[in-house]
Amino acid sequence: MLTKLNVLVLEDEPLIALDIEDTLERAGFGRITLLHTCRDALHFLAQERPDVALIDVQLQDGVCNEVAEHLAAANVPFVVYSGLEEAAEELGESFRRGRWLLKPASAKDLVEALEGSVAGA
């Protein structure tokens, strides 16, 4: 049930982050945590375990390899939401464990990707 899901969103573009938050709220997701840096994400993950995450590859402070590794090691399903289509082949194995969704995506595709990740599809 979406209303129970704790969602971590890593996005450093303010307008995109607000649009994602609005989309997830309208879809009925539970608590949504928006973060803009890898450092903040790692600090958050040291204290909490989200049910699902939506992460951009590149944030204000660099590529989120360590975040993807942490999510994969903790078995947290995640969607990589990026405009860097070619990055999938160049990044580490941890990123490949997530579902990829190319920016920009419709609200429907975004919600379905997160739901599919949680369901293990």
Protein backbone atom coordinates (compact mmCIF):
# COMPACT_ATOMS: atom_id res chain seq x y z
CA MET A 1 0.00 0.00 0.00
CA LEU A 2 1.52 3.30 -1.13
CA THR A 3 0.38 5.30 1.90
CA LYS A 4 2.70 3.31 4.10
CA LEU A 5 5.83 3.72 1.97
CA ASN A 6 8.74 5.89 3.08
CA VAL A 7 10.28 7.26 -0.14
CA LEU A 8 13.75 8.78 -0.42
CA VAL A 9 14.13 11.14 -3.39
CA LEU A 10 17.59 12.35 -4.43
CA GLU A 11 17.30 15.23 -6.87
CA ASP A 12 19.30 18.46 -6.94
CA GLU A 13 17.20 20.39 -9.47
CA PRO A 14 14.61 22.24 -7.35
CA LEU A 15 11.80 22.32 -9.92
CA ILE A 16 12.21 18.64 -10.74
CA ALA A 17 12.31 17.77 -7.02
CA LEU A 18 9.09 19.69 -6.36
CA ASP A 19 7.40 18.06 -9.34
CA ILE A 20 8.43 14.60 -8.12
CA GLU A 21 7.21 15.36 -4.61
CA ASP A 22 3.86 16.56 -5.96
CA THR A 23 3.53 13.49 -8.19
CA LEU A 24 4.24 11.10 -5.33
CA GLU A 25 1.90 12.90 -2.95
CA ARG A 26 -0.91 12.78 -5.54
CA ALA A 27 -0.25 9.07 -6.09
CA GLY A 28 -0.70 8.43 -2.38
CA PHE A 29 2.84 7.61 -1.28
CA GLY A 30 3.58 8.07 2.42
CA ARG A 31 6.47 10.11 3.80
CA ILE A 32 8.66 11.63 1.11
CA THR A 33 12.18 12.75 1.99
CA LEU A 34 13.83 15.07 -0.56
CA LEU A 35 17.62 15.41 -0.44
CA HIS A 36 20.01 17.26 -2.76
CA THR A 37 23.47 15.80 -2.00
CA CYS A 38 25.10 12.40 -1.72
CA ARG A 39 26.45 13.42 1.68
CA ASP A 40 22.98 14.17 3.03
CA ALA A 41 21.68 10.91 1.58
CA LEU A 42 24.39 8.86 3.29
CA HIS A 43 23.71 10.63 6.59
CA PHE A 44 19.97 9.89 6.21
CA LEU A 45 20.64 6.25 5.30
CA ALA A 46 22.86 5.79 8.36
CA GLN A 47 19.80 6.54 10.49
CA GLU A 48 16.82 5.37 8.44
CA ARG A 49 15.84 2.75 5.88
CA PRO A 50 13.41 3.92 3.22
CA ASP A 51 11.04 1.48 1.59
CA VAL A 52 12.03 2.67 -1.87
CA ALA A 53 14.28 5.37 -3.35
CA LEU A 54 14.34 7.49 -6.48
CA ILE A 55 17.87 8.68 -7.21
CA ASP A 56 19.54 10.84 -9.80
CA VAL A 57 23.02 9.70 -10.80
CA GLN A 58 24.67 13.11 -10.41
CA LEU A 59 23.88 15.42 -7.49
CA GLN A 60 25.40 18.70 -6.31
CA ASP A 61 28.37 16.94 -4.71
CA GLY A 62 29.07 14.27 -7.31
CA VAL A 63 28.03 10.85 -8.58
CA CYS A 64 25.96 8.83 -6.11
CA ASN A 65 27.92 5.56 -6.33
CA GLU A 66 28.18 5.18 -2.57
CA VAL A 67 24.45 5.84 -2.14
CA ALA A 68 23.56 3.23 -4.78
CA GLU A 69 25.92 0.76 -3.09
CA HIS A 70 24.30 1.39 0.28
CA LEU A 71 20.79 0.95 -1.11
CA ALA A 72 21.76 -2.26 -2.93
CA ALA A 73 23.52 -3.69 0.15
CA ALA A 74 20.48 -2.88 2.32
CA ASN A 75 18.12 -4.44 -0.25
CA VAL A 76 16.25 -1.16 -0.66
CA PRO A 77 14.60 -1.13 -4.09
CA PHE A 78 15.43 1.97 -6.09
CA VAL A 79 14.81 3.69 -9.37
CA VAL A 80 17.61 5.60 -11.07
CA TYR A 81 15.94 8.66 -12.58
CA SER A 82 18.48 10.30 -14.85
CA GLY A 83 18.91 12.11 -18.12
CA LEU A 84 22.24 10.31 -18.59
CA GLU A 85 21.15 7.31 -20.63
CA GLU A 86 24.72 6.32 -21.50
CA ALA A 87 25.69 6.36 -17.82
CA ALA A 88 24.11 2.97 -17.13
CA GLU A 89 27.00 1.16 -18.81
CA GLU A 90 29.72 3.33 -17.28
CA LEU A 91 28.60 3.25 -13.66
CA GLY A 92 29.19 0.62 -11.02
CA GLU A 93 27.26 -2.59 -10.54
CA SER A 94 25.19 -1.06 -7.74
CA PHE A 95 23.47 1.35 -10.13
CA ARG A 96 22.58 -1.53 -12.43
CA ARG A 97 20.68 -3.17 -9.56
CA GLY A 98 18.17 -0.34 -9.73
CA ARG A 99 15.44 0.13 -12.29
CA TRP A 100 16.33 2.88 -14.80
CA LEU A 101 13.93 5.58 -15.88
CA LEU A 102 15.08 8.22 -18.36
CA LYS A 103 14.26 11.88 -17.68
CA PRO A 104 11.86 13.33 -18.41
CA ALA A 105 9.22 10.74 -17.64
CA SER A 106 5.48 11.08 -17.19
CA ALA A 107 3.98 11.04 -13.72
CA LYS A 108 2.40 7.68 -14.58
CA ASP A 109 5.76 6.16 -15.60
CA LEU A 110 7.44 7.52 -12.47
CA VAL A 111 4.82 6.05 -10.14
CA GLU A 112 4.79 2.72 -12.02
CA ALA A 113 8.59 2.47 -11.83
CA LEU A 114 8.56 2.97 -8.06
CA GLU A 115 5.64 0.58 -7.58
CA GLY A 116 7.38 -2.00 -9.78
CA SER A 117 10.59 -1.68 -7.80
CA VAL A 118 8.78 -2.26 -4.52
CA ALA A 119 6.90 -5.23 -5.99
CA GLY A 120 10.16 -6.68 -7.29
CA ALA A 121 9.02 -6.57 -10.89
